[in-house]
Amino acid sequence: MSTSRQYIRRSRAQWEELIVLQLSFRLSAPKFFEKAGVSYQSFMSWRKKISTPEI
């Protein structure tokens, strides 16, 4: 039996929306993304990318 996960590619705009939703739900980031089925590590990576100004 395979336990592999199916990965969903999200755009920058989709990650921005998820980050805003997490803040509005007042859940810790790990709990919110667990419920949303999103990798916490991916969230942290994208949060860093989004908070860093693009050159």
PDB file of N, CA and C in Angstrom:
ATOM      1  N   MET A   1       0.835  -1.173   0.000  1.00  0.00           N
ATOM      2  CA  MET A   1       0.000   0.000   0.000  1.00  0.00           C
ATOM      3  C   MET A   1       0.882   1.238   0.000  1.00  0.00           C
ATOM      4  N   SER A   2       0.585   2.179  -0.863  1.00  0.00           N
ATOM      5  CA  SER A   2       1.384   3.395  -0.987  1.00  0.00           C
ATOM      6  C   SER A   2       0.845   4.481  -0.068  1.00  0.00           C
ATOM      7  N   THR A   3       1.746   5.210   0.538  1.00  0.00           N
ATOM      8  CA  THR A   3       1.349   6.322   1.402  1.00  0.00           C
ATOM      9  C   THR A   3       1.824   7.650   0.830  1.00  0.00           C
ATOM     10  N   SER A   4       2.106   7.679  -0.481  1.00  0.00           N
ATOM     11  CA  SER A   4       2.595   8.911  -1.091  1.00  0.00           C
ATOM     12  C   SER A   4       1.482   9.958  -1.134  1.00  0.00           C
ATOM     13  N   ARG A   5       1.896  11.213  -1.056  1.00  0.00           N
ATOM     14  CA  ARG A   5       0.952  12.323  -1.083  1.00  0.00           C
ATOM     15  C   ARG A   5       0.876  12.896  -2.480  1.00  0.00           C
ATOM     16  N   GLN A   6      -0.271  13.407  -2.829  1.00  0.00           N
ATOM     17  CA  GLN A   6      -0.422  14.086  -4.102  1.00  0.00           C
ATOM     18  C   GLN A   6      -0.113  15.561  -3.865  1.00  0.00           C
ATOM     19  N   TYR A   7       0.785  16.105  -4.654  1.00  0.00           N
ATOM     20  CA  TYR A   7       1.186  17.493  -4.484  1.00  0.00           C
ATOM     21  C   TYR A   7       0.416  18.389  -5.437  1.00  0.00           C
ATOM     22  N   ILE A   8       0.043  19.546  -4.933  1.00  0.00           N
ATOM     23  CA  ILE A   8      -0.679  20.537  -5.721  1.00  0.00           C
ATOM     24  C   ILE A   8       0.241  21.738  -5.896  1.00  0.00           C
ATOM     25  N   ARG A   9       0.449  22.142  -7.141  1.00  0.00           N
ATOM     26  CA  ARG A   9       1.268  23.322  -7.395  1.00  0.00           C
ATOM     27  C   ARG A   9       0.385  24.553  -7.244  1.00  0.00           C
ATOM     28  N   ARG A  10       0.832  25.483  -6.430  1.00  0.00           N
ATOM     29  CA  ARG A  10       0.077  26.706  -6.188  1.00  0.00           C
ATOM     30  C   ARG A  10       0.865  27.902  -6.702  1.00  0.00           C
ATOM     31  N   SER A  11       0.140  28.901  -7.165  1.00  0.00           N
ATOM     32  CA  SER A  11       0.778  30.132  -7.637  1.00  0.00           C
ATOM     33  C   SER A  11       1.130  31.006  -6.435  1.00  0.00           C
ATOM     34  N   ARG A  12       1.917  32.020  -6.684  1.00  0.00           N
ATOM     35  CA  ARG A  12       2.263  32.973  -5.622  1.00  0.00           C
ATOM     36  C   ARG A  12       0.988  33.591  -5.035  1.00  0.00           C
ATOM     37  N   ALA A  13       0.036  33.944  -5.884  1.00  0.00           N
ATOM     38  CA  ALA A  13      -1.220  34.552  -5.422  1.00  0.00           C
ATOM     39  C   ALA A  13      -1.998  33.589  -4.521  1.00  0.00           C
ATOM     40  N   GLN A  14      -1.993  32.309  -4.855  1.00  0.00           N
ATOM     41  CA  GLN A  14      -2.693  31.324  -4.023  1.00  0.00           C
ATOM     42  C   GLN A  14      -2.020  31.204  -2.650  1.00  0.00           C
ATOM     43  N   TRP A  15      -0.687  31.225  -2.620  1.00  0.00           N
ATOM     44  CA  TRP A  15       0.021  31.165  -1.337  1.00  0.00           C
ATOM     45  C   TRP A  15      -0.261  32.419  -0.516  1.00  0.00           C
ATOM     46  N   GLU A  16      -0.293  33.581  -1.174  1.00  0.00           N
ATOM     47  CA  GLU A  16      -0.606  34.816  -0.455  1.00  0.00           C
ATOM     48  C   GLU A  16      -1.985  34.724   0.186  1.00  0.00           C
ATOM     49  N   GLU A  17      -2.947  34.178  -0.547  1.00  0.00           N
ATOM     50  CA  GLU A  17      -4.309  34.018  -0.029  1.00  0.00           C
ATOM     51  C   GLU A  17      -4.333  33.075   1.171  1.00  0.00           C
ATOM     52  N   LEU A  18      -3.602  31.972   1.085  1.00  0.00           N
ATOM     53  CA  LEU A  18      -3.548  31.033   2.214  1.00  0.00           C
ATOM     54  C   LEU A  18      -2.933  31.673   3.454  1.00  0.00           C
ATOM     55  N   ILE A  19      -1.906  32.480   3.264  1.00  0.00           N
ATOM     56  CA  ILE A  19      -1.251  33.141   4.396  1.00  0.00           C
ATOM     57  C   ILE A  19      -2.208  34.133   5.047  1.00  0.00           C
ATOM     58  N   VAL A  20      -2.940  34.891   4.238  1.00  0.00           N
ATOM     59  CA  VAL A  20      -3.922  35.835   4.771  1.00  0.00           C
ATOM     60  C   VAL A  20      -5.033  35.087   5.513  1.00  0.00           C
ATOM     61  N   LEU A  21      -5.499  33.970   4.948  1.00  0.00           N
ATOM     62  CA  LEU A  21      -6.539  33.170   5.608  1.00  0.00           C
ATOM     63  C   LEU A  21      -6.065  32.653   6.957  1.00  0.00           C
ATOM     64  N   GLN A  22      -4.826  32.188   7.002  1.00  0.00           N
ATOM     65  CA  GLN A  22      -4.278  31.662   8.259  1.00  0.00           C
ATOM     66  C   GLN A  22      -4.310  32.746   9.329  1.00  0.00           C
ATOM     67  N   LEU A  23      -3.941  33.956   8.977  1.00  0.00           N
ATOM     68  CA  LEU A  23      -3.946  35.051   9.950  1.00  0.00           C
ATOM     69  C   LEU A  23      -5.365  35.386  10.394  1.00  0.00           C
ATOM     70  N   SER A  24      -6.318  35.331   9.475  1.00  0.00           N
ATOM     71  CA  SER A  24      -7.698  35.693   9.816  1.00  0.00           C
ATOM     72  C   SER A  24      -8.401  34.634  10.656  1.00  0.00           C
ATOM     73  N   PHE A  25      -7.995  33.364  10.549  1.00  0.00           N
ATOM     74  CA  PHE A  25      -8.630  32.298  11.326  1.00  0.00           C
ATOM     75  C   PHE A  25      -8.103  32.206  12.752  1.00  0.00           C
ATOM     76  N   ARG A  26      -7.017  32.911  13.041  1.00  0.00           N
ATOM     77  CA  ARG A  26      -6.432  32.934  14.383  1.00  0.00           C
ATOM     78  C   ARG A  26      -6.025  31.557  14.896  1.00  0.00           C
ATOM     79  N   LEU A  27      -5.635  30.694  13.976  1.00  0.00           N
ATOM     80  CA  LEU A  27      -5.066  29.400  14.343  1.00  0.00           C
ATOM     81  C   LEU A  27      -3.560  29.495  14.164  1.00  0.00           C
ATOM     82  N   SER A  28      -2.835  28.670  14.895  1.00  0.00           N
ATOM     83  CA  SER A  28      -1.396  28.629  14.657  1.00  0.00           C
ATOM     84  C   SER A  28      -1.182  28.146  13.224  1.00  0.00           C
ATOM     85  N   ALA A  29      -0.081  28.556  12.636  1.00  0.00           N
ATOM     86  CA  ALA A  29       0.205  28.159  11.253  1.00  0.00           C
ATOM     87  C   ALA A  29       0.217  26.642  11.083  1.00  0.00           C
ATOM     88  N   PRO A  30       0.893  25.893  11.967  1.00  0.00           N
ATOM     89  CA  PRO A  30       0.891  24.436  11.775  1.00  0.00           C
ATOM     90  C   PRO A  30      -0.515  23.828  11.806  1.00  0.00           C
ATOM     91  N   LYS A  31      -1.358  24.287  12.722  1.00  0.00           N
ATOM     92  CA  LYS A  31      -2.721  23.741  12.819  1.00  0.00           C
ATOM     93  C   LYS A  31      -3.560  24.112  11.593  1.00  0.00           C
ATOM     94  N   PHE A  32      -3.463  25.360  11.147  1.00  0.00           N
ATOM     95  CA  PHE A  32      -4.236  25.795   9.994  1.00  0.00           C
ATOM     96  C   PHE A  32      -3.864  24.982   8.752  1.00  0.00           C
ATOM     97  N   PHE A  33      -2.579  24.839   8.498  1.00  0.00           N
ATOM     98  CA  PHE A  33      -2.168  24.167   7.279  1.00  0.00           C
ATOM     99  C   PHE A  33      -2.359  22.669   7.351  1.00  0.00           C
ATOM    100  N   GLU A  34      -2.361  22.122   8.552  1.00  0.00           N
ATOM    101  CA  GLU A  34      -2.703  20.703   8.696  1.00  0.00           C
ATOM    102  C   GLU A  34      -4.157  20.496   8.286  1.00  0.00           C
ATOM    103  N   LYS A  35      -5.030  21.383   8.756  1.00  0.00           N
ATOM    104  CA  LYS A  35      -6.453  21.278   8.409  1.00  0.00           C
ATOM    105  C   LYS A  35      -6.679  21.558   6.920  1.00  0.00           C
ATOM    106  N   ALA A  36      -5.878  22.452   6.347  1.00  0.00           N
ATOM    107  CA  ALA A  36      -6.031  22.808   4.943  1.00  0.00           C
ATOM    108  C   ALA A  36      -5.332  21.811   4.020  1.00  0.00           C
ATOM    109  N   GLY A  37      -4.551  20.892   4.592  1.00  0.00           N
ATOM    110  CA  GLY A  37      -3.854  19.893   3.785  1.00  0.00           C
ATOM    111  C   GLY A  37      -2.647  20.443   3.059  1.00  0.00           C
ATOM    112  N   VAL A  38      -2.006  21.433   3.679  1.00  0.00           N
ATOM    113  CA  VAL A  38      -0.850  22.082   3.070  1.00  0.00           C
ATOM    114  C   VAL A  38       0.365  21.831   3.948  1.00  0.00           C
ATOM    115  N   SER A  39       1.508  21.626   3.322  1.00  0.00           N
ATOM    116  CA  SER A  39       2.747  21.389   4.049  1.00  0.00           C
ATOM    117  C   SER A  39       3.177  22.647   4.805  1.00  0.00           C
ATOM    118  N   TYR A  40       3.437  22.485   6.088  1.00  0.00           N
ATOM    119  CA  TYR A  40       3.899  23.619   6.895  1.00  0.00           C
ATOM    120  C   TYR A  40       5.254  24.112   6.387  1.00  0.00           C
ATOM    121  N   GLN A  41       6.109  23.206   5.962  1.00  0.00           N
ATOM    122  CA  GLN A  41       7.414  23.599   5.438  1.00  0.00           C
ATOM    123  C   GLN A  41       7.263  24.452   4.176  1.00  0.00           C
ATOM    124  N   SER A  42       6.319  24.086   3.324  1.00  0.00           N
ATOM    125  CA  SER A  42       6.057  24.886   2.126  1.00  0.00           C
ATOM    126  C   SER A  42       5.539  26.263   2.516  1.00  0.00           C
ATOM    127  N   PHE A  43       4.663  26.297   3.514  1.00  0.00           N
ATOM    128  CA  PHE A  43       4.140  27.576   3.990  1.00  0.00           C
ATOM    129  C   PHE A  43       5.272  28.480   4.458  1.00  0.00           C
ATOM    130  N   MET A  44       6.170  27.942   5.269  1.00  0.00           N
ATOM    131  CA  MET A  44       7.261  28.755   5.795  1.00  0.00           C
ATOM    132  C   MET A  44       8.144  29.275   4.663  1.00  0.00           C
ATOM    133  N   SER A  45       8.397  28.435   3.690  1.00  0.00           N
ATOM    134  CA  SER A  45       9.212  28.843   2.546  1.00  0.00           C
ATOM    135  C   SER A  45       8.532  29.967   1.763  1.00  0.00           C
ATOM    136  N   TRP A  46       7.239  29.804   1.500  1.00  0.00           N
ATOM    137  CA  TRP A  46       6.514  30.826   0.745  1.00  0.00           C
ATOM    138  C   TRP A  46       6.330  32.103   1.551  1.00  0.00           C
ATOM    139  N   ARG A  47       6.110  31.984   2.843  1.00  0.00           N
ATOM    140  CA  ARG A  47       5.967  33.189   3.668  1.00  0.00           C
ATOM    141  C   ARG A  47       7.249  34.012   3.598  1.00  0.00           C
ATOM    142  N   LYS A  48       8.392  33.338   3.614  1.00  0.00           N
ATOM    143  CA  LYS A  48       9.671  34.036   3.512  1.00  0.00           C
ATOM    144  C   LYS A  48       9.814  34.693   2.135  1.00  0.00           C
ATOM    145  N   LYS A  49       9.451  33.962   1.066  1.00  0.00           N
ATOM    146  CA  LYS A  49       9.537  34.520  -0.292  1.00  0.00           C
ATOM    147  C   LYS A  49       8.641  35.747  -0.443  1.00  0.00           C
ATOM    148  N   ILE A  50       7.432  35.656   0.100  1.00  0.00           N
ATOM    149  CA  ILE A  50       6.452  36.724  -0.047  1.00  0.00           C
ATOM    150  C   ILE A  50       6.846  37.950   0.783  1.00  0.00           C
ATOM    151  N   SER A  51       7.438  37.725   1.937  1.00  0.00           N
ATOM    152  CA  SER A  51       7.802  38.860   2.790  1.00  0.00           C
ATOM    153  C   SER A  51       9.083  39.543   2.323  1.00  0.00           C
ATOM    154  N   THR A  52       9.847  38.899   1.434  1.00  0.00           N
ATOM    155  CA  THR A  52      11.070  39.468   0.895  1.00  0.00           C
ATOM    156  C   THR A  52      10.737  40.228  -0.387  1.00  0.00           C
ATOM    157  N   PRO A  53      11.103  41.511  -0.463  1.00  0.00           N
ATOM    158  CA  PRO A  53      10.798  42.268  -1.680  1.00  0.00           C
ATOM    159  C   PRO A  53      11.476  41.667  -2.907  1.00  0.00           C
ATOM    160  N   GLU A  54      10.747  41.662  -4.020  1.00  0.00           N
ATOM    161  CA  GLU A  54      11.315  41.143  -5.272  1.00  0.00           C
ATOM    162  C   GLU A  54      12.236  42.197  -5.864  1.00  0.00           C
ATOM    163  N   ILE A  55      13.323  41.744  -6.456  1.00  0.00           N
ATOM    164  CA  ILE A  55      14.294  42.688  -7.049  1.00  0.00           C
ATOM    165  C   ILE A  55      14.044  42.791  -8.532  1.00  0.00           C
TER     166      ILE A  55
END
